[in-house]
C-alpha atoms as a PDB file:
ATOM      1  CA  MET A   1       0.000   0.000   0.000  1.00  0.00           C
ATOM      2  CA  SER A   2       1.184   3.447  -0.853  1.00  0.00           C
ATOM      3  CA  TYR A   3       0.271   6.246   1.555  1.00  0.00           C
ATOM      4  CA  LEU A   4       0.315   9.904   0.524  1.00  0.00           C
ATOM      5  CA  ASN A   5       0.023  12.992   2.683  1.00  0.00           C
ATOM      6  CA  ARG A   6      -2.347  15.778   1.618  1.00  0.00           C
ATOM      7  CA  GLU A   7       0.305  17.661  -0.366  1.00  0.00           C
ATOM      8  CA  GLU A   8       1.389  14.534  -2.232  1.00  0.00           C
ATOM      9  CA  ALA A   9      -2.212  13.509  -2.879  1.00  0.00           C
ATOM     10  CA  ALA A  10      -3.052  16.957  -4.239  1.00  0.00           C
ATOM     11  CA  ALA A  11      -0.063  16.874  -6.595  1.00  0.00           C
ATOM     12  CA  TYR A  12      -1.078  13.389  -7.719  1.00  0.00           C
ATOM     13  CA  LEU A  13      -4.634  14.563  -8.511  1.00  0.00           C
ATOM     14  CA  GLY A  14      -3.519  17.891  -9.997  1.00  0.00           C
ATOM     15  CA  CYS A  15      -5.197  20.160  -7.451  1.00  0.00           C
ATOM     16  CA  GLU A  16      -4.203  22.227  -4.425  1.00  0.00           C
ATOM     17  CA  PRO A  17      -3.927  20.812  -0.879  1.00  0.00           C
ATOM     18  CA  SER A  18      -6.505  23.375   0.238  1.00  0.00           C
ATOM     19  CA  THR A  19      -8.929  21.931  -2.322  1.00  0.00           C
ATOM     20  CA  LEU A  20      -8.562  18.474  -0.783  1.00  0.00           C
ATOM     21  CA  ALA A  21      -9.165  19.999   2.655  1.00  0.00           C
ATOM     22  CA  LYS A  22     -12.365  21.687   1.412  1.00  0.00           C
ATOM     23  CA  TRP A  23     -13.577  18.459  -0.186  1.00  0.00           C
ATOM     24  CA  ALA A  24     -12.894  16.572   3.039  1.00  0.00           C
ATOM     25  CA  SER A  25     -14.911  19.074   5.067  1.00  0.00           C
ATOM     26  CA  ARG A  26     -17.812  18.748   2.592  1.00  0.00           C
ATOM     27  CA  GLY A  27     -17.556  14.969   2.301  1.00  0.00           C
ATOM     28  CA  ILE A  28     -17.165  15.034  -1.492  1.00  0.00           C
ATOM     29  CA  GLY A  29     -13.519  14.167  -2.051  1.00  0.00           C
ATOM     30  CA  PRO A  30     -11.538  10.950  -2.043  1.00  0.00           C
ATOM     31  CA  ALA A  31     -11.460   8.710   1.021  1.00  0.00           C
ATOM     32  CA  TYR A  32      -8.880   9.651   3.647  1.00  0.00           C
ATOM     33  CA  PHE A  33      -7.982   8.818   7.191  1.00  0.00           C
ATOM     34  CA  ARG A  34      -6.275  10.536  10.088  1.00  0.00           C
ATOM     35  CA  ARG A  35      -3.119   9.379  11.825  1.00  0.00           C
ATOM     36  CA  GLY A  36      -2.871  11.689  14.769  1.00  0.00           C
ATOM     37  CA  ARG A  37      -2.903  15.156  13.231  1.00  0.00           C
ATOM     38  CA  ARG A  38      -1.911  13.951   9.767  1.00  0.00           C
ATOM     39  CA  THR A  39      -4.324  13.343   6.915  1.00  0.00           C
ATOM     40  CA  GLN A  40      -3.354  10.351   4.797  1.00  0.00           C
ATOM     41  CA  TYR A  41      -4.646   8.996   1.508  1.00  0.00           C
ATOM     42  CA  LEU A  42      -4.171   5.593  -0.057  1.00  0.00           C
ATOM     43  CA  LYS A  43      -3.056   5.839  -3.668  1.00  0.00           C
ATOM     44  CA  ASP A  44      -5.605   3.167  -4.630  1.00  0.00           C
ATOM     45  CA  ASP A  45      -8.396   5.272  -3.072  1.00  0.00           C
ATOM     46  CA  LEU A  46      -7.267   8.306  -5.069  1.00  0.00           C
ATOM     47  CA  ASP A  47      -7.234   6.277  -8.279  1.00  0.00           C
ATOM     48  CA  ASN A  48     -10.685   4.814  -7.595  1.00  0.00           C
ATOM     49  CA  TRP A  49     -12.153   8.217  -6.738  1.00  0.00           C
ATOM     50  CA  ARG A  50     -10.626   9.868  -9.816  1.00  0.00           C
ATOM     51  CA  ASP A  51     -11.790   7.054 -12.093  1.00  0.00           C
ATOM     52  CA  SER A  52     -15.355   7.110 -10.762  1.00  0.00           C
ATOM     53  CA  TYR A  53     -15.523  10.899 -11.053  1.00  0.00           C
ATOM     54  CA  GLN A  54     -14.217  10.858 -14.631  1.00  0.00           C
ATOM     55  CA  ARG A  55     -16.881   8.353 -15.635  1.00  0.00           C
ATOM     56  CA  ARG A  56     -19.597  10.701 -14.346  1.00  0.00           C
ATOM     57  CA  THR A  57     -18.316  13.985 -15.789  1.00  0.00           C
ATOM     58  CA  PRO A  58     -15.377  13.506 -18.180  1.00  0.00           C
ATOM     59  CA  ALA A  59     -15.329  17.088 -19.486  1.00  0.00           C
ATOM     60  CA  GLN A  60     -15.293  18.891 -16.150  1.00  0.00           C
ATOM     61  CA  GLY A  61     -12.151  17.636 -14.398  1.00  0.00           C
ATOM     62  CA  CYS A  62     -11.996  17.864 -10.612  1.00  0.00           C
ATOM     63  CA  PRO A  63     -15.017  19.210  -8.690  1.00  0.00           C
ATOM     64  CA  ARG A  64     -14.752  22.689  -7.199  1.00  0.00           C
END
């Protein structure tokens, strides 16, 4: 399993870390978990989220 912190996950998805934080607070972004004060993402979860989002709206990119 490959774990990414918020900055790494944002770079992987092509968005800003603050965007991931906003998505997390709204419950609309990729799955994540907390380890103490750190937010962590599994690369597989990012891939699955991105793939499912692209199937729904291929022309729009990431949600805002």
